[in-house]
Amino acid sequence: MDLNTLIETTVSGLGYELVDIEMSPRGRTIRVFIDAPGKDSGVDVEDCARVSNQLTRVFEVENVDFDRLEISSPGLDRVVKKAEDFVRFAGQDIQIKIRIPLGGRRNFQGELLGYKDGKVGLRLEKDEVELEFANIEKARLVPRFD
């Protein structure tokens, strides 16, 4: 089992959602971002400790060599990766970078309209665009502080 699958299986088995995994260049530090969708208050320190303890045990059994394991909430500017996330966060502001330019642009920011038929809808200042889900390189929520 590869490391990503191992982490996802463990995190989801504990009742959390795996948002993202980051690895240091030589894989010595593993950062795992989790969410608790059914919990109004989001992820807290106890959630992170629970996941950290379980992953540490699993890594020992599976002989995963690492120096440091960090567990964190995704934060207000969370990464949006899965099609379900683009549905879940519709109505929120988002920043999207695409691989192949559309109309000479690779970066878009606006209100997320959702996901349908392999496309992500986005309301910009003056118009709306549909971006191919497969063409999205990075997407991140933009928190509103008003």
N, C-alpha and C. Protein backbone atom coordinates (compact mmCIF):
# COMPACT_ATOMS: atom_id res chain seq x y z
N MET A 1 0.86 -1.19 0.00
CA MET A 1 0.00 0.00 0.00
C MET A 1 0.90 1.24 0.00
N ASP A 2 0.63 2.20 -0.89
CA ASP A 2 1.44 3.41 -0.91
C ASP A 2 1.08 4.32 0.26
N LEU A 3 1.95 5.27 0.55
CA LEU A 3 1.80 6.12 1.73
C LEU A 3 0.49 6.92 1.71
N ASN A 4 0.14 7.50 0.55
CA ASN A 4 -1.10 8.28 0.46
C ASN A 4 -2.33 7.43 0.80
N THR A 5 -2.38 6.23 0.26
CA THR A 5 -3.51 5.33 0.52
C THR A 5 -3.53 4.93 1.98
N LEU A 6 -2.37 4.66 2.55
CA LEU A 6 -2.25 4.29 3.96
C LEU A 6 -2.79 5.41 4.86
N ILE A 7 -2.39 6.63 4.56
CA ILE A 7 -2.83 7.79 5.36
C ILE A 7 -4.33 8.00 5.18
N GLU A 8 -4.82 7.97 3.94
CA GLU A 8 -6.24 8.19 3.68
C GLU A 8 -7.10 7.13 4.37
N THR A 9 -6.69 5.87 4.30
CA THR A 9 -7.44 4.79 4.94
C THR A 9 -7.49 4.98 6.45
N THR A 10 -6.38 5.36 7.05
CA THR A 10 -6.31 5.55 8.50
C THR A 10 -7.16 6.74 8.94
N VAL A 11 -7.00 7.87 8.24
CA VAL A 11 -7.73 9.10 8.60
C VAL A 11 -9.24 8.89 8.45
N SER A 12 -9.67 8.33 7.33
CA SER A 12 -11.11 8.12 7.12
C SER A 12 -11.65 7.06 8.09
N GLY A 13 -10.82 6.09 8.45
CA GLY A 13 -11.24 5.08 9.42
C GLY A 13 -11.51 5.67 10.81
N LEU A 14 -10.88 6.80 11.10
CA LEU A 14 -11.11 7.49 12.37
C LEU A 14 -12.29 8.47 12.29
N GLY A 15 -12.88 8.59 11.10
CA GLY A 15 -14.04 9.46 10.93
C GLY A 15 -13.72 10.87 10.46
N TYR A 16 -12.52 11.08 9.97
CA TYR A 16 -12.12 12.40 9.47
C TYR A 16 -11.98 12.36 7.96
N GLU A 17 -11.89 13.54 7.37
CA GLU A 17 -11.67 13.66 5.93
C GLU A 17 -10.23 14.08 5.70
N LEU A 18 -9.54 13.38 4.81
CA LEU A 18 -8.19 13.77 4.44
C LEU A 18 -8.29 14.88 3.40
N VAL A 19 -7.72 16.04 3.71
CA VAL A 19 -7.78 17.18 2.81
C VAL A 19 -6.55 17.23 1.91
N ASP A 20 -5.37 17.05 2.52
CA ASP A 20 -4.13 17.16 1.74
C ASP A 20 -2.99 16.50 2.51
N ILE A 21 -1.95 16.14 1.76
CA ILE A 21 -0.72 15.61 2.34
C ILE A 21 0.42 16.37 1.69
N GLU A 22 1.35 16.83 2.51
CA GLU A 22 2.57 17.48 2.01
C GLU A 22 3.76 16.72 2.56
N MET A 23 4.76 16.55 1.71
CA MET A 23 5.98 15.85 2.13
C MET A 23 7.17 16.76 1.89
N SER A 24 8.11 16.74 2.82
CA SER A 24 9.35 17.49 2.61
C SER A 24 10.12 16.80 1.47
N PRO A 25 11.09 17.49 0.86
CA PRO A 25 11.78 16.94 -0.31
C PRO A 25 12.29 15.50 -0.14
N ARG A 26 12.81 15.14 1.01
CA ARG A 26 13.31 13.79 1.19
C ARG A 26 12.34 12.92 1.99
N GLY A 27 11.11 13.40 2.17
CA GLY A 27 10.08 12.62 2.87
C GLY A 27 10.31 12.50 4.36
N ARG A 28 11.13 13.36 4.92
CA ARG A 28 11.44 13.27 6.35
C ARG A 28 10.34 13.89 7.20
N THR A 29 9.64 14.89 6.67
CA THR A 29 8.50 15.50 7.37
C THR A 29 7.25 15.22 6.57
N ILE A 30 6.24 14.71 7.26
CA ILE A 30 4.95 14.42 6.62
C ILE A 30 3.91 15.32 7.27
N ARG A 31 3.26 16.16 6.47
CA ARG A 31 2.19 17.04 6.96
C ARG A 31 0.85 16.51 6.45
N VAL A 32 -0.08 16.31 7.36
CA VAL A 32 -1.39 15.77 7.01
C VAL A 32 -2.44 16.79 7.43
N PHE A 33 -3.27 17.20 6.49
CA PHE A 33 -4.33 18.17 6.77
C PHE A 33 -5.67 17.41 6.80
N ILE A 34 -6.39 17.55 7.92
CA ILE A 34 -7.64 16.82 8.10
C ILE A 34 -8.79 17.78 8.35
N ASP A 35 -10.00 17.30 8.10
CA ASP A 35 -11.21 18.07 8.39
C ASP A 35 -12.19 17.14 9.07
N ALA A 36 -13.11 17.73 9.80
CA ALA A 36 -14.18 16.99 10.46
C ALA A 36 -15.50 17.57 9.98
N PRO A 37 -15.96 17.17 8.79
CA PRO A 37 -17.13 17.78 8.17
C PRO A 37 -18.40 17.78 9.03
N GLY A 38 -18.59 16.77 9.86
CA GLY A 38 -19.80 16.71 10.68
C GLY A 38 -19.73 17.55 11.94
N LYS A 39 -18.61 18.19 12.16
CA LYS A 39 -18.37 18.94 13.39
C LYS A 39 -18.41 20.44 13.09
N ASP A 40 -19.33 21.17 13.72
CA ASP A 40 -19.48 22.60 13.46
C ASP A 40 -18.24 23.41 13.82
N SER A 41 -17.55 23.00 14.88
CA SER A 41 -16.39 23.76 15.34
C SER A 41 -15.12 23.46 14.56
N GLY A 42 -15.18 22.48 13.65
CA GLY A 42 -14.00 22.13 12.87
C GLY A 42 -13.05 21.25 13.67
N VAL A 43 -11.83 21.14 13.19
CA VAL A 43 -10.82 20.29 13.80
C VAL A 43 -10.19 21.02 14.99
N ASP A 44 -10.03 20.29 16.11
CA ASP A 44 -9.38 20.88 17.27
C ASP A 44 -8.12 20.08 17.62
N VAL A 45 -7.44 20.48 18.68
CA VAL A 45 -6.17 19.87 19.07
C VAL A 45 -6.35 18.38 19.39
N GLU A 46 -7.46 18.04 20.03
CA GLU A 46 -7.70 16.62 20.36
C GLU A 46 -7.83 15.78 19.10
N ASP A 47 -8.50 16.32 18.07
CA ASP A 47 -8.62 15.60 16.80
C ASP A 47 -7.24 15.35 16.19
N CYS A 48 -6.41 16.38 16.19
CA CYS A 48 -5.06 16.27 15.62
C CYS A 48 -4.24 15.24 16.40
N ALA A 49 -4.35 15.27 17.73
CA ALA A 49 -3.60 14.32 18.56
C ALA A 49 -4.06 12.89 18.29
N ARG A 50 -5.36 12.70 18.16
CA ARG A 50 -5.91 11.36 17.90
C ARG A 50 -5.38 10.79 16.58
N VAL A 51 -5.42 11.61 15.54
CA VAL A 51 -4.93 11.18 14.23
C VAL A 51 -3.41 10.95 14.28
N SER A 52 -2.68 11.83 14.94
CA SER A 52 -1.23 11.71 15.05
C SER A 52 -0.85 10.40 15.74
N ASN A 53 -1.50 10.10 16.86
CA ASN A 53 -1.21 8.86 17.59
C ASN A 53 -1.48 7.64 16.74
N GLN A 54 -2.61 7.63 16.03
CA GLN A 54 -2.97 6.47 15.21
C GLN A 54 -2.01 6.31 14.03
N LEU A 55 -1.69 7.42 13.35
CA LEU A 55 -0.77 7.34 12.21
C LEU A 55 0.63 6.90 12.65
N THR A 56 1.07 7.37 13.81
CA THR A 56 2.38 6.97 14.33
C THR A 56 2.43 5.46 14.52
N ARG A 57 1.36 4.89 15.10
CA ARG A 57 1.30 3.43 15.30
C ARG A 57 1.29 2.70 13.95
N VAL A 58 0.47 3.19 13.02
CA VAL A 58 0.39 2.56 11.69
C VAL A 58 1.74 2.64 10.97
N PHE A 59 2.42 3.78 11.06
CA PHE A 59 3.72 3.93 10.41
C PHE A 59 4.76 2.96 10.99
N GLU A 60 4.69 2.74 12.31
CA GLU A 60 5.61 1.77 12.95
C GLU A 60 5.38 0.37 12.38
N VAL A 61 4.11 -0.03 12.31
CA VAL A 61 3.77 -1.36 11.80
C VAL A 61 4.17 -1.51 10.34
N GLU A 62 3.96 -0.46 9.54
CA GLU A 62 4.24 -0.51 8.10
C GLU A 62 5.67 -0.11 7.75
N ASN A 63 6.49 0.15 8.77
CA ASN A 63 7.89 0.54 8.57
C ASN A 63 8.06 1.78 7.69
N VAL A 64 7.25 2.79 7.94
CA VAL A 64 7.38 4.06 7.23
C VAL A 64 8.45 4.88 7.94
N ASP A 65 9.48 5.25 7.21
CA ASP A 65 10.62 5.98 7.77
C ASP A 65 10.36 7.49 7.65
N PHE A 66 10.28 8.17 8.79
CA PHE A 66 10.05 9.62 8.80
C PHE A 66 10.66 10.18 10.08
N ASP A 67 10.92 11.49 10.08
CA ASP A 67 11.44 12.15 11.28
C ASP A 67 10.35 12.89 12.03
N ARG A 68 9.40 13.44 11.26
CA ARG A 68 8.41 14.31 11.89
C ARG A 68 7.06 14.15 11.22
N LEU A 69 6.02 14.08 12.04
CA LEU A 69 4.64 13.98 11.55
C LEU A 69 3.87 15.18 12.09
N GLU A 70 3.25 15.94 11.21
CA GLU A 70 2.45 17.10 11.62
C GLU A 70 1.02 16.90 11.14
N ILE A 71 0.07 17.08 12.05
CA ILE A 71 -1.35 16.98 11.73
C ILE A 71 -1.96 18.35 11.96
N SER A 72 -2.77 18.82 11.00
CA SER A 72 -3.32 20.17 11.09
C SER A 72 -4.71 20.24 10.47
N SER A 73 -5.44 21.27 10.87
CA SER A 73 -6.70 21.56 10.18
C SER A 73 -6.34 22.21 8.85
N PRO A 74 -7.25 22.20 7.89
CA PRO A 74 -6.92 22.80 6.59
C PRO A 74 -6.86 24.32 6.61
N GLY A 75 -7.40 24.95 7.65
CA GLY A 75 -7.38 26.41 7.74
C GLY A 75 -8.48 27.05 6.91
N LEU A 76 -8.61 28.36 7.05
CA LEU A 76 -9.64 29.10 6.32
C LEU A 76 -9.36 29.16 4.83
N ASP A 77 -8.08 29.12 4.47
CA ASP A 77 -7.69 29.18 3.05
C ASP A 77 -7.37 27.78 2.54
N ARG A 78 -8.23 26.84 2.90
CA ARG A 78 -8.01 25.42 2.61
C ARG A 78 -7.87 25.11 1.13
N VAL A 79 -7.14 24.08 0.86
CA VAL A 79 -6.99 23.55 -0.49
C VAL A 79 -8.30 22.87 -0.88
N VAL A 80 -8.70 23.05 -2.12
CA VAL A 80 -9.90 22.40 -2.65
C VAL A 80 -9.43 21.51 -3.80
N LYS A 81 -9.63 20.18 -3.63
CA LYS A 81 -9.08 19.24 -4.61
C LYS A 81 -10.13 18.35 -5.26
N LYS A 82 -11.03 17.82 -4.46
CA LYS A 82 -11.98 16.83 -4.97
C LYS A 82 -13.22 17.49 -5.56
N ALA A 83 -13.84 16.80 -6.49
CA ALA A 83 -15.06 17.33 -7.11
C ALA A 83 -16.10 17.66 -6.03
N GLU A 84 -16.22 16.79 -5.01
CA GLU A 84 -17.20 17.02 -3.93
C GLU A 84 -16.91 18.32 -3.19
N ASP A 85 -15.62 18.70 -3.08
CA ASP A 85 -15.25 19.95 -2.41
C ASP A 85 -15.76 21.16 -3.19
N PHE A 86 -15.70 21.07 -4.53
CA PHE A 86 -16.18 22.19 -5.35
C PHE A 86 -17.69 22.35 -5.23
N VAL A 87 -18.39 21.29 -4.91
CA VAL A 87 -19.84 21.36 -4.65
C VAL A 87 -20.06 21.91 -3.25
N ARG A 88 -19.35 21.34 -2.29
CA ARG A 88 -19.51 21.69 -0.86
C ARG A 88 -19.25 23.17 -0.58
N PHE A 89 -18.26 23.75 -1.25
CA PHE A 89 -17.88 25.13 -0.95
C PHE A 89 -18.45 26.15 -1.95
N ALA A 90 -19.45 25.75 -2.71
CA ALA A 90 -20.11 26.69 -3.63
C ALA A 90 -20.61 27.90 -2.83
N GLY A 91 -20.45 29.08 -3.42
CA GLY A 91 -20.86 30.31 -2.75
C GLY A 91 -19.70 31.01 -2.05
N GLN A 92 -18.59 30.34 -1.90
CA GLN A 92 -17.42 30.94 -1.25
C GLN A 92 -16.44 31.46 -2.30
N ASP A 93 -15.60 32.38 -1.88
CA ASP A 93 -14.57 32.91 -2.77
C ASP A 93 -13.45 31.88 -2.91
N ILE A 94 -12.91 31.79 -4.12
CA ILE A 94 -11.88 30.80 -4.40
C ILE A 94 -10.87 31.36 -5.39
N GLN A 95 -9.65 30.87 -5.29
CA GLN A 95 -8.58 31.22 -6.22
C GLN A 95 -8.18 29.93 -6.92
N ILE A 96 -8.18 29.94 -8.24
CA ILE A 96 -7.89 28.74 -9.02
C ILE A 96 -6.78 29.03 -10.02
N LYS A 97 -5.84 28.09 -10.10
CA LYS A 97 -4.77 28.17 -11.10
C LYS A 97 -4.95 26.95 -12.00
N ILE A 98 -4.96 27.20 -13.31
CA ILE A 98 -5.14 26.10 -14.26
C ILE A 98 -3.83 25.81 -14.98
N ARG A 99 -3.73 24.58 -15.52
CA ARG A 99 -2.51 24.15 -16.21
C ARG A 99 -2.38 24.79 -17.59
N ILE A 100 -3.44 24.67 -18.38
CA ILE A 100 -3.44 25.19 -19.75
C ILE A 100 -4.27 26.48 -19.76
N PRO A 101 -3.67 27.60 -20.18
CA PRO A 101 -4.37 28.90 -20.13
C PRO A 101 -5.71 28.91 -20.87
N LEU A 102 -6.62 29.69 -20.35
CA LEU A 102 -7.93 29.90 -20.96
C LEU A 102 -8.03 31.40 -21.24
N GLY A 103 -8.12 31.77 -22.50
CA GLY A 103 -8.17 33.18 -22.86
C GLY A 103 -6.92 33.92 -22.42
N GLY A 104 -5.78 33.23 -22.43
CA GLY A 104 -4.52 33.86 -22.05
C GLY A 104 -4.29 33.93 -20.54
N ARG A 105 -5.21 33.39 -19.76
CA ARG A 105 -5.10 33.45 -18.29
C ARG A 105 -4.92 32.06 -17.69
N ARG A 106 -4.15 32.03 -16.60
CA ARG A 106 -4.02 30.79 -15.84
C ARG A 106 -4.58 30.94 -14.43
N ASN A 107 -4.71 32.18 -13.94
CA ASN A 107 -5.17 32.43 -12.58
C ASN A 107 -6.54 33.10 -12.58
N PHE A 108 -7.43 32.57 -11.76
CA PHE A 108 -8.79 33.09 -11.66
C PHE A 108 -9.16 33.21 -10.19
N GLN A 109 -9.89 34.27 -9.86
CA GLN A 109 -10.42 34.41 -8.50
C GLN A 109 -11.83 34.95 -8.59
N GLY A 110 -12.72 34.33 -7.84
CA GLY A 110 -14.10 34.76 -7.83
C GLY A 110 -14.94 33.88 -6.93
N GLU A 111 -16.24 33.93 -7.13
CA GLU A 111 -17.16 33.13 -6.32
C GLU A 111 -17.35 31.76 -6.96
N LEU A 112 -17.14 30.74 -6.18
CA LEU A 112 -17.30 29.37 -6.67
C LEU A 112 -18.79 29.08 -6.87
N LEU A 113 -19.13 28.67 -8.09
CA LEU A 113 -20.53 28.37 -8.41
C LEU A 113 -20.84 26.88 -8.26
N GLY A 114 -19.81 26.04 -8.19
CA GLY A 114 -20.03 24.62 -8.02
C GLY A 114 -19.36 23.79 -9.09
N TYR A 115 -19.75 22.51 -9.12
CA TYR A 115 -19.16 21.54 -10.04
C TYR A 115 -20.28 20.77 -10.73
N LYS A 116 -20.16 20.65 -12.05
CA LYS A 116 -21.16 19.89 -12.79
C LYS A 116 -20.55 19.41 -14.10
N ASP A 117 -20.76 18.15 -14.41
CA ASP A 117 -20.32 17.56 -15.69
C ASP A 117 -18.84 17.81 -16.00
N GLY A 118 -17.99 17.67 -14.99
CA GLY A 118 -16.56 17.81 -15.22
C GLY A 118 -16.06 19.24 -15.31
N LYS A 119 -16.93 20.20 -14.98
CA LYS A 119 -16.54 21.61 -15.05
C LYS A 119 -16.82 22.31 -13.72
N VAL A 120 -15.97 23.28 -13.41
CA VAL A 120 -16.11 24.09 -12.21
C VAL A 120 -16.55 25.49 -12.64
N GLY A 121 -17.68 25.95 -12.09
CA GLY A 121 -18.19 27.28 -12.42
C GLY A 121 -17.62 28.32 -11.48
N LEU A 122 -17.33 29.49 -12.05
CA LEU A 122 -16.73 30.57 -11.28
C LEU A 122 -17.32 31.90 -11.74
N ARG A 123 -17.81 32.70 -10.78
CA ARG A 123 -18.32 34.04 -11.09
C ARG A 123 -17.20 35.04 -10.83
N LEU A 124 -16.76 35.68 -11.91
CA LEU A 124 -15.72 36.70 -11.81
C LEU A 124 -16.39 38.06 -11.64
N GLU A 125 -15.61 39.13 -11.61
CA GLU A 125 -16.18 40.47 -11.44
C GLU A 125 -17.18 40.82 -12.53
N LYS A 126 -16.83 40.52 -13.80
CA LYS A 126 -17.67 40.96 -14.91
C LYS A 126 -18.41 39.85 -15.63
N ASP A 127 -17.98 38.60 -15.45
CA ASP A 127 -18.64 37.50 -16.15
C ASP A 127 -18.46 36.18 -15.39
N GLU A 128 -18.92 35.12 -16.00
CA GLU A 128 -18.78 33.79 -15.42
C GLU A 128 -17.95 32.92 -16.36
N VAL A 129 -17.18 32.00 -15.80
CA VAL A 129 -16.39 31.06 -16.61
C VAL A 129 -16.62 29.64 -16.10
N GLU A 130 -16.40 28.71 -17.00
CA GLU A 130 -16.40 27.30 -16.63
C GLU A 130 -15.01 26.77 -16.91
N LEU A 131 -14.41 26.16 -15.90
CA LEU A 131 -13.07 25.62 -16.03
C LEU A 131 -13.14 24.10 -15.99
N GLU A 132 -12.39 23.46 -16.86
CA GLU A 132 -12.34 22.00 -16.87
C GLU A 132 -11.71 21.53 -15.57
N PHE A 133 -12.40 20.65 -14.85
CA PHE A 133 -11.89 20.12 -13.59
C PHE A 133 -10.50 19.49 -13.78
N ALA A 134 -10.30 18.76 -14.86
CA ALA A 134 -9.03 18.08 -15.13
C ALA A 134 -7.89 19.07 -15.40
N ASN A 135 -8.21 20.32 -15.73
CA ASN A 135 -7.22 21.33 -16.03
C ASN A 135 -6.82 22.14 -14.79
N ILE A 136 -7.46 21.88 -13.65
CA ILE A 136 -7.16 22.66 -12.44
C ILE A 136 -5.87 22.14 -11.80
N GLU A 137 -4.91 23.05 -11.67
CA GLU A 137 -3.63 22.70 -11.05
C GLU A 137 -3.72 22.87 -9.54
N LYS A 138 -4.27 24.01 -9.10
CA LYS A 138 -4.39 24.32 -7.67
C LYS A 138 -5.64 25.13 -7.45
N ALA A 139 -6.30 24.87 -6.33
CA ALA A 139 -7.46 25.69 -5.95
C ALA A 139 -7.43 25.86 -4.44
N ARG A 140 -7.75 27.06 -3.99
CA ARG A 140 -7.70 27.37 -2.57
C ARG A 140 -8.79 28.38 -2.25
N LEU A 141 -9.48 28.15 -1.12
CA LEU A 141 -10.51 29.10 -0.69
C LEU A 141 -9.85 30.41 -0.28
N VAL A 142 -10.56 31.50 -0.49
CA VAL A 142 -10.10 32.82 -0.07
C VAL A 142 -11.05 33.28 1.03
N PRO A 143 -10.57 33.37 2.26
CA PRO A 143 -11.46 33.75 3.36
C PRO A 143 -11.97 35.19 3.24
N ARG A 144 -13.21 35.39 3.63
CA ARG A 144 -13.80 36.74 3.66
C ARG A 144 -13.77 37.22 5.11
N PHE A 145 -13.34 38.43 5.30
CA PHE A 145 -13.30 39.01 6.65
C PHE A 145 -14.13 40.30 6.68
N ASP A 146 -15.45 40.15 6.44
CA ASP A 146 -16.30 41.36 6.46
C ASP A 146 -17.41 41.22 7.44
